[in-house]
Amino acid sequence: MAAVQMNVRLDPGLKRAGDHGLELMGYTPTQAVRRLWELAASAEQDTTVAGELQRLLGPTEQSVAETRAREWLARDRCLRAAVNELRSASRGSYDYEALREHAALDRLEQLGYGAATGEGAQL
């Protein structure tokens, strides 16, 4: 079997601690990397493996950015809806606190809390 060599840059302290941890578990660094690659290769066919790898490896910069973008879009939609409601409402029917509460309740509903799910707002 032909092999490919990989080079990885690590902090020396992390390298020593990682090597020691792997040794305690009975693995060499090469075995651990090979197993990680095998699991990653099987992730396309096995979504359970993909989910576990994502959980173990943590969020990527892209997934964090996507989450932030979704949150900002949700806030933007909520604010736009509040502004539109305020514009269409008769003069003086809303005060600032009522509008703020309405926007907060809408956001909780979007997150799965409140009247839309039949649950109380439990945080």
PDB file of N, CA and C in Angstrom:
ATOM      1  N   MET A   1       0.843  -1.174   0.000  1.00  0.00           N
ATOM      2  CA  MET A   1       0.000   0.000   0.000  1.00  0.00           C
ATOM      3  C   MET A   1       0.891   1.241   0.000  1.00  0.00           C
ATOM      4  N   ALA A   2       0.620   2.142  -0.934  1.00  0.00           N
ATOM      5  CA  ALA A   2       1.350   3.404  -0.971  1.00  0.00           C
ATOM      6  C   ALA A   2       0.883   4.268   0.197  1.00  0.00           C
ATOM      7  N   ALA A   3       1.770   5.054   0.733  1.00  0.00           N
ATOM      8  CA  ALA A   3       1.439   5.892   1.883  1.00  0.00           C
ATOM      9  C   ALA A   3       1.725   7.356   1.561  1.00  0.00           C
ATOM     10  N   VAL A   4       1.014   8.226   2.216  1.00  0.00           N
ATOM     11  CA  VAL A   4       1.190   9.665   2.090  1.00  0.00           C
ATOM     12  C   VAL A   4       1.670  10.180   3.440  1.00  0.00           C
ATOM     13  N   GLN A   5       2.633  11.045   3.421  1.00  0.00           N
ATOM     14  CA  GLN A   5       3.135  11.631   4.659  1.00  0.00           C
ATOM     15  C   GLN A   5       2.441  12.958   4.906  1.00  0.00           C
ATOM     16  N   MET A   6       2.019  13.180   6.156  1.00  0.00           N
ATOM     17  CA  MET A   6       1.388  14.436   6.536  1.00  0.00           C
ATOM     18  C   MET A   6       2.257  15.131   7.566  1.00  0.00           C
ATOM     19  N   ASN A   7       2.351  16.429   7.457  1.00  0.00           N
ATOM     20  CA  ASN A   7       3.073  17.226   8.444  1.00  0.00           C
ATOM     21  C   ASN A   7       2.085  18.166   9.119  1.00  0.00           C
ATOM     22  N   VAL A   8       2.143  18.205  10.439  1.00  0.00           N
ATOM     23  CA  VAL A   8       1.225  19.040  11.211  1.00  0.00           C
ATOM     24  C   VAL A   8       2.044  19.901  12.154  1.00  0.00           C
ATOM     25  N   ARG A   9       1.692  21.163  12.242  1.00  0.00           N
ATOM     26  CA  ARG A   9       2.375  22.069  13.178  1.00  0.00           C
ATOM     27  C   ARG A   9       1.579  22.122  14.482  1.00  0.00           C
ATOM     28  N   LEU A  10       2.259  21.794  15.578  1.00  0.00           N
ATOM     29  CA  LEU A  10       1.642  21.818  16.907  1.00  0.00           C
ATOM     30  C   LEU A  10       2.566  22.529  17.875  1.00  0.00           C
ATOM     31  N   ASP A  11       1.985  23.097  18.893  1.00  0.00           N
ATOM     32  CA  ASP A  11       2.751  23.641  19.998  1.00  0.00           C
ATOM     33  C   ASP A  11       3.517  22.484  20.643  1.00  0.00           C
ATOM     34  N   PRO A  12       4.793  22.661  20.964  1.00  0.00           N
ATOM     35  CA  PRO A  12       5.575  21.549  21.539  1.00  0.00           C
ATOM     36  C   PRO A  12       4.959  20.953  22.807  1.00  0.00           C
ATOM     37  N   GLY A  13       4.402  21.791  23.662  1.00  0.00           N
ATOM     38  CA  GLY A  13       3.774  21.283  24.888  1.00  0.00           C
ATOM     39  C   GLY A  13       2.548  20.440  24.585  1.00  0.00           C
ATOM     40  N   LEU A  14       1.754  20.873  23.619  1.00  0.00           N
ATOM     41  CA  LEU A  14       0.580  20.108  23.208  1.00  0.00           C
ATOM     42  C   LEU A  14       1.009  18.776  22.612  1.00  0.00           C
ATOM     43  N   LYS A  15       2.063  18.783  21.823  1.00  0.00           N
ATOM     44  CA  LYS A  15       2.577  17.544  21.210  1.00  0.00           C
ATOM     45  C   LYS A  15       2.982  16.548  22.292  1.00  0.00           C
ATOM     46  N   ARG A  16       3.760  17.011  23.277  1.00  0.00           N
ATOM     47  CA  ARG A  16       4.197  16.120  24.367  1.00  0.00           C
ATOM     48  C   ARG A  16       3.003  15.574  25.151  1.00  0.00           C
ATOM     49  N   ALA A  17       2.069  16.456  25.511  1.00  0.00           N
ATOM     50  CA  ALA A  17       0.914  16.030  26.299  1.00  0.00           C
ATOM     51  C   ALA A  17       0.036  15.072  25.490  1.00  0.00           C
ATOM     52  N   GLY A  18      -0.146  15.369  24.215  1.00  0.00           N
ATOM     53  CA  GLY A  18      -0.941  14.493  23.358  1.00  0.00           C
ATOM     54  C   GLY A  18      -0.303  13.141  23.165  1.00  0.00           C
ATOM     55  N   ASP A  19       1.000  13.132  22.926  1.00  0.00           N
ATOM     56  CA  ASP A  19       1.716  11.854  22.791  1.00  0.00           C
ATOM     57  C   ASP A  19       1.567  11.018  24.056  1.00  0.00           C
ATOM     58  N   HIS A  20       1.677  11.673  25.211  1.00  0.00           N
ATOM     59  CA  HIS A  20       1.562  10.967  26.487  1.00  0.00           C
ATOM     60  C   HIS A  20       0.145  10.409  26.657  1.00  0.00           C
ATOM     61  N   GLY A  21      -0.863  11.228  26.355  1.00  0.00           N
ATOM     62  CA  GLY A  21      -2.250  10.765  26.466  1.00  0.00           C
ATOM     63  C   GLY A  21      -2.535   9.586  25.551  1.00  0.00           C
ATOM     64  N   LEU A  22      -2.034   9.661  24.316  1.00  0.00           N
ATOM     65  CA  LEU A  22      -2.229   8.553  23.380  1.00  0.00           C
ATOM     66  C   LEU A  22      -1.514   7.300  23.867  1.00  0.00           C
ATOM     67  N   GLU A  23      -0.308   7.477  24.403  1.00  0.00           N
ATOM     68  CA  GLU A  23       0.453   6.330  24.912  1.00  0.00           C
ATOM     69  C   GLU A  23      -0.305   5.645  26.052  1.00  0.00           C
ATOM     70  N   LEU A  24      -0.919   6.440  26.930  1.00  0.00           N
ATOM     71  CA  LEU A  24      -1.696   5.867  28.036  1.00  0.00           C
ATOM     72  C   LEU A  24      -2.869   5.035  27.526  1.00  0.00           C
ATOM     73  N   MET A  25      -3.404   5.416  26.365  1.00  0.00           N
ATOM     74  CA  MET A  25      -4.527   4.678  25.782  1.00  0.00           C
ATOM     75  C   MET A  25      -4.064   3.558  24.859  1.00  0.00           C
ATOM     76  N   GLY A  26      -2.748   3.457  24.647  1.00  0.00           N
ATOM     77  CA  GLY A  26      -2.223   2.371  23.823  1.00  0.00           C
ATOM     78  C   GLY A  26      -2.137   2.684  22.337  1.00  0.00           C
ATOM     79  N   TYR A  27      -2.145   3.982  21.975  1.00  0.00           N
ATOM     80  CA  TYR A  27      -2.062   4.374  20.568  1.00  0.00           C
ATOM     81  C   TYR A  27      -0.779   5.147  20.297  1.00  0.00           C
ATOM     82  N   THR A  28      -0.302   5.022  19.069  1.00  0.00           N
ATOM     83  CA  THR A  28       0.762   5.908  18.602  1.00  0.00           C
ATOM     84  C   THR A  28       0.081   7.088  17.909  1.00  0.00           C
ATOM     85  N   PRO A  29       0.781   8.205  17.732  1.00  0.00           N
ATOM     86  CA  PRO A  29       0.185   9.316  16.988  1.00  0.00           C
ATOM     87  C   PRO A  29      -0.255   8.897  15.581  1.00  0.00           C
ATOM     88  N   THR A  30       0.527   8.073  14.922  1.00  0.00           N
ATOM     89  CA  THR A  30       0.174   7.608  13.576  1.00  0.00           C
ATOM     90  C   THR A  30      -1.124   6.810  13.601  1.00  0.00           C
ATOM     91  N   GLN A  31      -1.270   5.910  14.578  1.00  0.00           N
ATOM     92  CA  GLN A  31      -2.501   5.125  14.682  1.00  0.00           C
ATOM     93  C   GLN A  31      -3.714   6.024  14.925  1.00  0.00           C
ATOM     94  N   ALA A  32      -3.547   7.023  15.771  1.00  0.00           N
ATOM     95  CA  ALA A  32      -4.659   7.923  16.084  1.00  0.00           C
ATOM     96  C   ALA A  32      -5.076   8.722  14.850  1.00  0.00           C
ATOM     97  N   VAL A  33      -4.103   9.249  14.115  1.00  0.00           N
ATOM     98  CA  VAL A  33      -4.427  10.023  12.909  1.00  0.00           C
ATOM     99  C   VAL A  33      -5.052   9.125  11.858  1.00  0.00           C
ATOM    100  N   ARG A  34      -4.499   7.936  11.676  1.00  0.00           N
ATOM    101  CA  ARG A  34      -5.055   7.003  10.690  1.00  0.00           C
ATOM    102  C   ARG A  34      -6.509   6.680  11.037  1.00  0.00           C
ATOM    103  N   ARG A  35      -6.783   6.427  12.319  1.00  0.00           N
ATOM    104  CA  ARG A  35      -8.158   6.098  12.746  1.00  0.00           C
ATOM    105  C   ARG A  35      -9.094   7.292  12.534  1.00  0.00           C
ATOM    106  N   LEU A  36      -8.616   8.492  12.818  1.00  0.00           N
ATOM    107  CA  LEU A  36      -9.426   9.688  12.583  1.00  0.00           C
ATOM    108  C   LEU A  36      -9.782   9.795  11.107  1.00  0.00           C
ATOM    109  N   TRP A  37      -8.814   9.569  10.243  1.00  0.00           N
ATOM    110  CA  TRP A  37      -9.067   9.653   8.791  1.00  0.00           C
ATOM    111  C   TRP A  37     -10.031   8.550   8.329  1.00  0.00           C
ATOM    112  N   GLU A  38      -9.901   7.356   8.901  1.00  0.00           N
ATOM    113  CA  GLU A  38     -10.835   6.275   8.563  1.00  0.00           C
ATOM    114  C   GLU A  38     -12.263   6.644   8.951  1.00  0.00           C
ATOM    115  N   LEU A  39     -12.410   7.207  10.135  1.00  0.00           N
ATOM    116  CA  LEU A  39     -13.739   7.627  10.581  1.00  0.00           C
ATOM    117  C   LEU A  39     -14.291   8.747   9.698  1.00  0.00           C
ATOM    118  N   ALA A  40     -13.449   9.718   9.380  1.00  0.00           N
ATOM    119  CA  ALA A  40     -13.883  10.818   8.517  1.00  0.00           C
ATOM    120  C   ALA A  40     -14.292  10.297   7.143  1.00  0.00           C
ATOM    121  N   ALA A  41     -13.559   9.322   6.629  1.00  0.00           N
ATOM    122  CA  ALA A  41     -13.886   8.741   5.322  1.00  0.00           C
ATOM    123  C   ALA A  41     -15.222   8.010   5.352  1.00  0.00           C
ATOM    124  N   SER A  42     -15.587   7.435   6.496  1.00  0.00           N
ATOM    125  CA  SER A  42     -16.849   6.706   6.591  1.00  0.00           C
ATOM    126  C   SER A  42     -18.022   7.610   6.948  1.00  0.00           C
ATOM    127  N   ALA A  43     -17.762   8.857   7.255  1.00  0.00           N
ATOM    128  CA  ALA A  43     -18.818   9.763   7.718  1.00  0.00           C
ATOM    129  C   ALA A  43     -19.883  10.013   6.661  1.00  0.00           C
ATOM    130  N   GLU A  44     -19.521   9.944   5.385  1.00  0.00           N
ATOM    131  CA  GLU A  44     -20.501  10.181   4.327  1.00  0.00           C
ATOM    132  C   GLU A  44     -21.585   9.100   4.330  1.00  0.00           C
ATOM    133  N   GLN A  45     -21.189   7.860   4.620  1.00  0.00           N
ATOM    134  CA  GLN A  45     -22.147   6.756   4.628  1.00  0.00           C
ATOM    135  C   GLN A  45     -22.829   6.588   5.981  1.00  0.00           C
ATOM    136  N   ASP A  46     -22.218   7.079   7.039  1.00  0.00           N
ATOM    137  CA  ASP A  46     -22.749   6.866   8.385  1.00  0.00           C
ATOM    138  C   ASP A  46     -22.899   8.204   9.099  1.00  0.00           C
ATOM    139  N   THR A  47     -24.115   8.736   9.123  1.00  0.00           N
ATOM    140  CA  THR A  47     -24.343  10.049   9.728  1.00  0.00           C
ATOM    141  C   THR A  47     -24.081  10.045  11.230  1.00  0.00           C
ATOM    142  N   THR A  48     -24.199   8.879  11.864  1.00  0.00           N
ATOM    143  CA  THR A  48     -23.889   8.795  13.289  1.00  0.00           C
ATOM    144  C   THR A  48     -22.412   9.097  13.521  1.00  0.00           C
ATOM    145  N   VAL A  49     -21.564   8.534  12.684  1.00  0.00           N
ATOM    146  CA  VAL A  49     -20.120   8.791  12.777  1.00  0.00           C
ATOM    147  C   VAL A  49     -19.848  10.276  12.526  1.00  0.00           C
ATOM    148  N   ALA A  50     -20.505  10.826  11.515  1.00  0.00           N
ATOM    149  CA  ALA A  50     -20.303  12.242  11.197  1.00  0.00           C
ATOM    150  C   ALA A  50     -20.683  13.117  12.387  1.00  0.00           C
ATOM    151  N   GLY A  51     -21.818  12.824  13.003  1.00  0.00           N
ATOM    152  CA  GLY A  51     -22.265  13.610  14.154  1.00  0.00           C
ATOM    153  C   GLY A  51     -21.318  13.491  15.331  1.00  0.00           C
ATOM    154  N   GLU A  52     -20.838  12.282  15.593  1.00  0.00           N
ATOM    155  CA  GLU A  52     -19.910  12.080  16.701  1.00  0.00           C
ATOM    156  C   GLU A  52     -18.580  12.798  16.455  1.00  0.00           C
ATOM    157  N   LEU A  53     -18.092  12.722  15.216  1.00  0.00           N
ATOM    158  CA  LEU A  53     -16.848  13.439  14.901  1.00  0.00           C
ATOM    159  C   LEU A  53     -17.019  14.935  15.069  1.00  0.00           C
ATOM    160  N   GLN A  54     -18.130  15.472  14.600  1.00  0.00           N
ATOM    161  CA  GLN A  54     -18.378  16.903  14.754  1.00  0.00           C
ATOM    162  C   GLN A  54     -18.450  17.279  16.225  1.00  0.00           C
ATOM    163  N   ARG A  55     -19.098  16.431  17.027  1.00  0.00           N
ATOM    164  CA  ARG A  55     -19.193  16.705  18.461  1.00  0.00           C
ATOM    165  C   ARG A  55     -17.806  16.696  19.119  1.00  0.00           C
ATOM    166  N   LEU A  56     -16.989  15.697  18.754  1.00  0.00           N
ATOM    167  CA  LEU A  56     -15.664  15.582  19.345  1.00  0.00           C
ATOM    168  C   LEU A  56     -14.713  16.693  18.891  1.00  0.00           C
ATOM    169  N   LEU A  57     -14.804  17.047  17.612  1.00  0.00           N
ATOM    170  CA  LEU A  57     -13.884  18.047  17.065  1.00  0.00           C
ATOM    171  C   LEU A  57     -14.315  19.477  17.384  1.00  0.00           C
ATOM    172  N   GLY A  58     -15.571  19.662  17.725  1.00  0.00           N
ATOM    173  CA  GLY A  58     -16.060  20.992  18.074  1.00  0.00           C
ATOM    174  C   GLY A  58     -16.473  21.772  16.843  1.00  0.00           C
ATOM    175  N   PRO A  59     -17.041  22.960  17.084  1.00  0.00           N
ATOM    176  CA  PRO A  59     -17.549  23.750  15.960  1.00  0.00           C
ATOM    177  C   PRO A  59     -16.423  24.280  15.079  1.00  0.00           C
ATOM    178  N   THR A  60     -16.722  24.373  13.789  1.00  0.00           N
ATOM    179  CA  THR A  60     -15.774  24.957  12.859  1.00  0.00           C
ATOM    180  C   THR A  60     -16.020  26.455  12.797  1.00  0.00           C
ATOM    181  N   GLU A  61     -15.062  27.188  12.278  1.00  0.00           N
ATOM    182  CA  GLU A  61     -15.256  28.630  12.109  1.00  0.00           C
ATOM    183  C   GLU A  61     -16.466  28.895  11.231  1.00  0.00           C
ATOM    184  N   GLN A  62     -16.664  28.064  10.214  1.00  0.00           N
ATOM    185  CA  GLN A  62     -17.797  28.242   9.309  1.00  0.00           C
ATOM    186  C   GLN A  62     -19.118  28.021  10.033  1.00  0.00           C
ATOM    187  N   SER A  63     -19.209  26.961  10.860  1.00  0.00           N
ATOM    188  CA  SER A  63     -20.470  26.691  11.553  1.00  0.00           C
ATOM    189  C   SER A  63     -20.777  27.786  12.574  1.00  0.00           C
ATOM    190  N   VAL A  64     -19.749  28.320  13.230  1.00  0.00           N
ATOM    191  CA  VAL A  64     -19.950  29.423  14.172  1.00  0.00           C
ATOM    192  C   VAL A  64     -20.449  30.644  13.419  1.00  0.00           C
ATOM    193  N   ALA A  65     -19.835  30.928  12.266  1.00  0.00           N
ATOM    194  CA  ALA A  65     -20.260  32.075  11.462  1.00  0.00           C
ATOM    195  C   ALA A  65     -21.685  31.896  10.954  1.00  0.00           C
ATOM    196  N   GLU A  66     -22.036  30.687  10.541  1.00  0.00           N
ATOM    197  CA  GLU A  66     -23.399  30.423  10.064  1.00  0.00           C
ATOM    198  C   GLU A  66     -24.413  30.604  11.185  1.00  0.00           C
ATOM    199  N   THR A  67     -24.078  30.144  12.375  1.00  0.00           N
ATOM    200  CA  THR A  67     -24.972  30.308  13.521  1.00  0.00           C
ATOM    201  C   THR A  67     -25.167  31.780  13.827  1.00  0.00           C
ATOM    202  N   ARG A  68     -24.075  32.527  13.849  1.00  0.00           N
ATOM    203  CA  ARG A  68     -24.181  33.972  14.098  1.00  0.00           C
ATOM    204  C   ARG A  68     -25.016  34.661  13.030  1.00  0.00           C
ATOM    205  N   ALA A  69     -24.823  34.272  11.774  1.00  0.00           N
ATOM    206  CA  ALA A  69     -25.590  34.875  10.685  1.00  0.00           C
ATOM    207  C   ALA A  69     -27.077  34.568  10.847  1.00  0.00           C
ATOM    208  N   ARG A  70     -27.428  33.324  11.206  1.00  0.00           N
ATOM    209  CA  ARG A  70     -28.837  32.971  11.421  1.00  0.00           C
ATOM    210  C   ARG A  70     -29.427  33.787  12.566  1.00  0.00           C
ATOM    211  N   GLU A  71     -28.649  33.965  13.641  1.00  0.00           N
ATOM    212  CA  GLU A  71     -29.135  34.752  14.777  1.00  0.00           C
ATOM    213  C   GLU A  71     -29.373  36.204  14.371  1.00  0.00           C
ATOM    214  N   TRP A  72     -28.426  36.761  13.617  1.00  0.00           N
ATOM    215  CA  TRP A  72     -28.595  38.142  13.166  1.00  0.00           C
ATOM    216  C   TRP A  72     -29.791  38.278  12.240  1.00  0.00           C
ATOM    217  N   LEU A  73     -29.988  37.320  11.343  1.00  0.00           N
ATOM    218  CA  LEU A  73     -31.148  37.365  10.456  1.00  0.00           C
ATOM    219  C   LEU A  73     -32.453  37.276  11.250  1.00  0.00           C
ATOM    220  N   ALA A  74     -32.477  36.434  12.266  1.00  0.00           N
ATOM    221  CA  ALA A  74     -33.675  36.315  13.101  1.00  0.00           C
ATOM    222  C   ALA A  74     -33.947  37.626  13.832  1.00  0.00           C
ATOM    223  N   ARG A  75     -32.903  38.233  14.362  1.00  0.00           N
ATOM    224  CA  ARG A  75     -33.075  39.538  15.029  1.00  0.00           C
ATOM    225  C   ARG A  75     -33.569  40.588  14.048  1.00  0.00           C
ATOM    226  N   ASP A  76     -32.987  40.576  12.849  1.00  0.00           N
ATOM    227  CA  ASP A  76     -33.379  41.542  11.829  1.00  0.00           C
ATOM    228  C   ASP A  76     -34.851  41.366  11.464  1.00  0.00           C
ATOM    229  N   ARG A  77     -35.281  40.103  11.257  1.00  0.00           N
ATOM    230  CA  ARG A  77     -36.688  39.840  10.929  1.00  0.00           C
ATOM    231  C   ARG A  77     -37.606  40.317  12.049  1.00  0.00           C
ATOM    232  N   CYS A  78     -37.189  40.057  13.276  1.00  0.00           N
ATOM    233  CA  CYS A  78     -37.993  40.445  14.435  1.00  0.00           C
ATOM    234  C   CYS A  78     -38.117  41.966  14.501  1.00  0.00           C
ATOM    235  N   LEU A  79     -37.019  42.663  14.322  1.00  0.00           N
ATOM    236  CA  LEU A  79     -37.049  44.127  14.360  1.00  0.00           C
ATOM    237  C   LEU A  79     -37.866  44.695  13.208  1.00  0.00           C
ATOM    238  N   ARG A  80     -37.700  44.136  12.017  1.00  0.00           N
ATOM    239  CA  ARG A  80     -38.483  44.611  10.866  1.00  0.00           C
ATOM    240  C   ARG A  80     -39.973  44.401  11.093  1.00  0.00           C
ATOM    241  N   ALA A  81     -40.324  43.237  11.645  1.00  0.00           N
ATOM    242  CA  ALA A  81     -41.735  42.965  11.921  1.00  0.00           C
ATOM    243  C   ALA A  81     -42.271  43.952  12.945  1.00  0.00           C
ATOM    244  N   ALA A  82     -41.476  44.238  13.966  1.00  0.00           N
ATOM    245  CA  ALA A  82     -41.909  45.187  14.990  1.00  0.00           C
ATOM    246  C   ALA A  82     -42.088  46.579  14.399  1.00  0.00           C
ATOM    247  N   VAL A  83     -41.154  47.004  13.570  1.00  0.00           N
ATOM    248  CA  VAL A  83     -41.256  48.320  12.931  1.00  0.00           C
ATOM    249  C   VAL A  83     -42.475  48.370  12.027  1.00  0.00           C
ATOM    250  N   ASN A  84     -42.696  47.335  11.235  1.00  0.00           N
ATOM    251  CA  ASN A  84     -43.867  47.299  10.352  1.00  0.00           C
ATOM    252  C   ASN A  84     -45.164  47.322  11.150  1.00  0.00           C
ATOM    253  N   GLU A  85     -45.191  46.583  12.246  1.00  0.00           N
ATOM    254  CA  GLU A  85     -46.386  46.575  13.082  1.00  0.00           C
ATOM    255  C   GLU A  85     -46.619  47.952  13.691  1.00  0.00           C
ATOM    256  N   LEU A  86     -45.550  48.574  14.112  1.00  0.00           N
ATOM    257  CA  LEU A  86     -45.653  49.912  14.693  1.00  0.00           C
ATOM    258  C   LEU A  86     -46.160  50.907  13.653  1.00  0.00           C
ATOM    259  N   ARG A  87     -45.657  50.799  12.426  1.00  0.00           N
ATOM    260  CA  ARG A  87     -46.090  51.699  11.358  1.00  0.00           C
ATOM    261  C   ARG A  87     -47.570  51.517  11.037  1.00  0.00           C
ATOM    262  N   SER A  88     -48.031  50.257  11.043  1.00  0.00           N
ATOM    263  CA  SER A  88     -49.413  49.994  10.651  1.00  0.00           C
ATOM    264  C   SER A  88     -50.393  50.178  11.812  1.00  0.00           C
ATOM    265  N   ALA A  89     -49.898  50.202  13.027  1.00  0.00           N
ATOM    266  CA  ALA A  89     -50.778  50.333  14.193  1.00  0.00           C
ATOM    267  C   ALA A  89     -51.295  51.766  14.298  1.00  0.00           C
ATOM    268  N   SER A  90     -52.410  51.876  14.895  1.00  0.00           N
ATOM    269  CA  SER A  90     -52.927  53.222  15.092  1.00  0.00           C
ATOM    270  C   SER A  90     -52.037  53.960  16.082  1.00  0.00           C
ATOM    271  N   ARG A  91     -52.003  55.253  15.951  1.00  0.00           N
ATOM    272  CA  ARG A  91     -51.135  56.110  16.765  1.00  0.00           C
ATOM    273  C   ARG A  91     -51.421  55.903  18.252  1.00  0.00           C
ATOM    274  N   GLY A  92     -50.356  55.687  19.011  1.00  0.00           N
ATOM    275  CA  GLY A  92     -50.460  55.588  20.455  1.00  0.00           C
ATOM    276  C   GLY A  92     -50.909  54.234  20.985  1.00  0.00           C
ATOM    277  N   SER A  93     -51.131  53.239  20.099  1.00  0.00           N
ATOM    278  CA  SER A  93     -51.607  51.959  20.598  1.00  0.00           C
ATOM    279  C   SER A  93     -50.483  51.108  21.210  1.00  0.00           C
ATOM    280  N   TYR A  94     -49.226  51.435  20.923  1.00  0.00           N
ATOM    281  CA  TYR A  94     -48.097  50.705  21.498  1.00  0.00           C
ATOM    282  C   TYR A  94     -47.170  51.672  22.199  1.00  0.00           C
ATOM    283  N   ASP A  95     -46.715  51.270  23.341  1.00  0.00           N
ATOM    284  CA  ASP A  95     -45.620  52.007  23.947  1.00  0.00           C
ATOM    285  C   ASP A  95     -44.353  51.173  23.786  1.00  0.00           C
ATOM    286  N   TYR A  96     -43.215  51.722  24.120  1.00  0.00           N
ATOM    287  CA  TYR A  96     -41.934  51.049  23.916  1.00  0.00           C
ATOM    288  C   TYR A  96     -41.888  49.700  24.625  1.00  0.00           C
ATOM    289  N   GLU A  97     -42.321  49.627  25.856  1.00  0.00           N
ATOM    290  CA  GLU A  97     -42.255  48.378  26.617  1.00  0.00           C
ATOM    291  C   GLU A  97     -43.121  47.287  25.982  1.00  0.00           C
ATOM    292  N   ALA A  98     -44.303  47.654  25.502  1.00  0.00           N
ATOM    293  CA  ALA A  98     -45.179  46.663  24.869  1.00  0.00           C
ATOM    294  C   ALA A  98     -44.544  46.146  23.578  1.00  0.00           C
ATOM    295  N   LEU A  99     -43.952  47.049  22.806  1.00  0.00           N
ATOM    296  CA  LEU A  99     -43.285  46.648  21.566  1.00  0.00           C
ATOM    297  C   LEU A  99     -42.099  45.732  21.859  1.00  0.00           C
ATOM    298  N   ARG A 100     -41.328  46.067  22.872  1.00  0.00           N
ATOM    299  CA  ARG A 100     -40.167  45.257  23.269  1.00  0.00           C
ATOM    300  C   ARG A 100     -40.616  43.870  23.729  1.00  0.00           C
ATOM    301  N   GLU A 101     -41.663  43.823  24.527  1.00  0.00           N
ATOM    302  CA  GLU A 101     -42.179  42.539  25.003  1.00  0.00           C
ATOM    303  C   GLU A 101     -42.691  41.699  23.826  1.00  0.00           C
ATOM    304  N   HIS A 102     -43.375  42.333  22.904  1.00  0.00           N
ATOM    305  CA  HIS A 102     -43.885  41.633  21.730  1.00  0.00           C
ATOM    306  C   HIS A 102     -42.729  41.031  20.921  1.00  0.00           C
ATOM    307  N   ALA A 103     -41.665  41.793  20.711  1.00  0.00           N
ATOM    308  CA  ALA A 103     -40.505  41.304  19.965  1.00  0.00           C
ATOM    309  C   ALA A 103     -39.838  40.145  20.700  1.00  0.00           C
ATOM    310  N   ALA A 104     -39.730  40.245  22.015  1.00  0.00           N
ATOM    311  CA  ALA A 104     -39.113  39.172  22.808  1.00  0.00           C
ATOM    312  C   ALA A 104     -39.952  37.890  22.733  1.00  0.00           C
ATOM    313  N   LEU A 105     -41.278  38.022  22.817  1.00  0.00           N
ATOM    314  CA  LEU A 105     -42.141  36.851  22.721  1.00  0.00           C
ATOM    315  C   LEU A 105     -42.052  36.205  21.343  1.00  0.00           C
ATOM    316  N   ASP A 106     -41.978  37.032  20.287  1.00  0.00           N
ATOM    317  CA  ASP A 106     -41.795  36.493  18.941  1.00  0.00           C
ATOM    318  C   ASP A 106     -40.497  35.704  18.849  1.00  0.00           C
ATOM    319  N   ARG A 107     -39.424  36.234  19.420  1.00  0.00           N
ATOM    320  CA  ARG A 107     -38.123  35.557  19.363  1.00  0.00           C
ATOM    321  C   ARG A 107     -38.166  34.238  20.126  1.00  0.00           C
ATOM    322  N   LEU A 108     -38.788  34.239  21.302  1.00  0.00           N
ATOM    323  CA  LEU A 108     -38.914  32.997  22.065  1.00  0.00           C
ATOM    324  C   LEU A 108     -39.703  31.958  21.283  1.00  0.00           C
ATOM    325  N   GLU A 109     -40.734  32.400  20.580  1.00  0.00           N
ATOM    326  CA  GLU A 109     -41.513  31.484  19.762  1.00  0.00           C
ATOM    327  C   GLU A 109     -40.658  30.899  18.643  1.00  0.00           C
ATOM    328  N   GLN A 110     -39.814  31.734  18.020  1.00  0.00           N
ATOM    329  CA  GLN A 110     -38.918  31.263  16.957  1.00  0.00           C
ATOM    330  C   GLN A 110     -37.947  30.222  17.492  1.00  0.00           C
ATOM    331  N   LEU A 111     -37.547  30.357  18.755  1.00  0.00           N
ATOM    332  CA  LEU A 111     -36.601  29.423  19.364  1.00  0.00           C
ATOM    333  C   LEU A 111     -37.282  28.163  19.891  1.00  0.00           C
ATOM    334  N   GLY A 112     -38.614  28.089  19.751  1.00  0.00           N
ATOM    335  CA  GLY A 112     -39.312  26.876  20.170  1.00  0.00           C
ATOM    336  C   GLY A 112     -39.967  26.963  21.525  1.00  0.00           C
ATOM    337  N   TYR A 113     -40.012  28.149  22.117  1.00  0.00           N
ATOM    338  CA  TYR A 113     -40.681  28.327  23.396  1.00  0.00           C
ATOM    339  C   TYR A 113     -41.987  29.068  23.158  1.00  0.00           C
ATOM    340  N   GLY A 114     -42.920  28.909  24.058  1.00  0.00           N
ATOM    341  CA  GLY A 114     -44.095  29.743  24.001  1.00  0.00           C
ATOM    342  C   GLY A 114     -45.287  29.092  23.339  1.00  0.00           C
ATOM    343  N   ALA A 115     -46.219  29.931  22.928  1.00  0.00           N
ATOM    344  CA  ALA A 115     -47.533  29.494  22.448  1.00  0.00           C
ATOM    345  C   ALA A 115     -47.442  28.597  21.222  1.00  0.00           C
ATOM    346  N   ALA A 116     -46.451  28.821  20.346  1.00  0.00           N
ATOM    347  CA  ALA A 116     -46.356  28.033  19.109  1.00  0.00           C
ATOM    348  C   ALA A 116     -46.129  26.559  19.389  1.00  0.00           C
ATOM    349  N   THR A 117     -45.462  26.234  20.482  1.00  0.00           N
ATOM    350  CA  THR A 117     -45.179  24.833  20.805  1.00  0.00           C
ATOM    351  C   THR A 117     -46.106  24.295  21.881  1.00  0.00           C
ATOM    352  N   GLY A 118     -46.967  25.167  22.397  1.00  0.00           N
ATOM    353  CA  GLY A 118     -47.866  24.740  23.448  1.00  0.00           C
ATOM    354  C   GLY A 118     -47.199  24.668  24.803  1.00  0.00           C
ATOM    355  N   GLU A 119     -45.987  25.202  24.920  1.00  0.00           N
ATOM    356  CA  GLU A 119     -45.265  25.189  26.186  1.00  0.00           C
ATOM    357  C   GLU A 119     -45.200  26.597  26.740  1.00  0.00           C
ATOM    358  N   GLY A 120     -44.982  26.689  28.011  1.00  0.00           N
ATOM    359  CA  GLY A 120     -44.710  27.989  28.607  1.00  0.00           C
ATOM    360  C   GLY A 120     -43.280  28.374  28.307  1.00  0.00           C
ATOM    361  N   ALA A 121     -42.953  29.606  28.449  1.00  0.00           N
ATOM    362  CA  ALA A 121     -41.590  30.076  28.195  1.00  0.00           C
ATOM    363  C   ALA A 121     -40.703  29.628  29.338  1.00  0.00           C
ATOM    364  N   GLN A 122     -40.086  28.479  29.189  1.00  0.00           N
ATOM    365  CA  GLN A 122     -39.204  27.940  30.209  1.00  0.00           C
ATOM    366  C   GLN A 122     -37.772  28.069  29.754  1.00  0.00           C
ATOM    367  N   LEU A 123     -37.001  28.855  30.456  1.00  0.00           N
ATOM    368  CA  LEU A 123     -35.594  29.051  30.074  1.00  0.00           C
ATOM    369  C   LEU A 123     -34.673  28.367  31.032  1.00  0.00           C
TER     370      LEU A 123
END
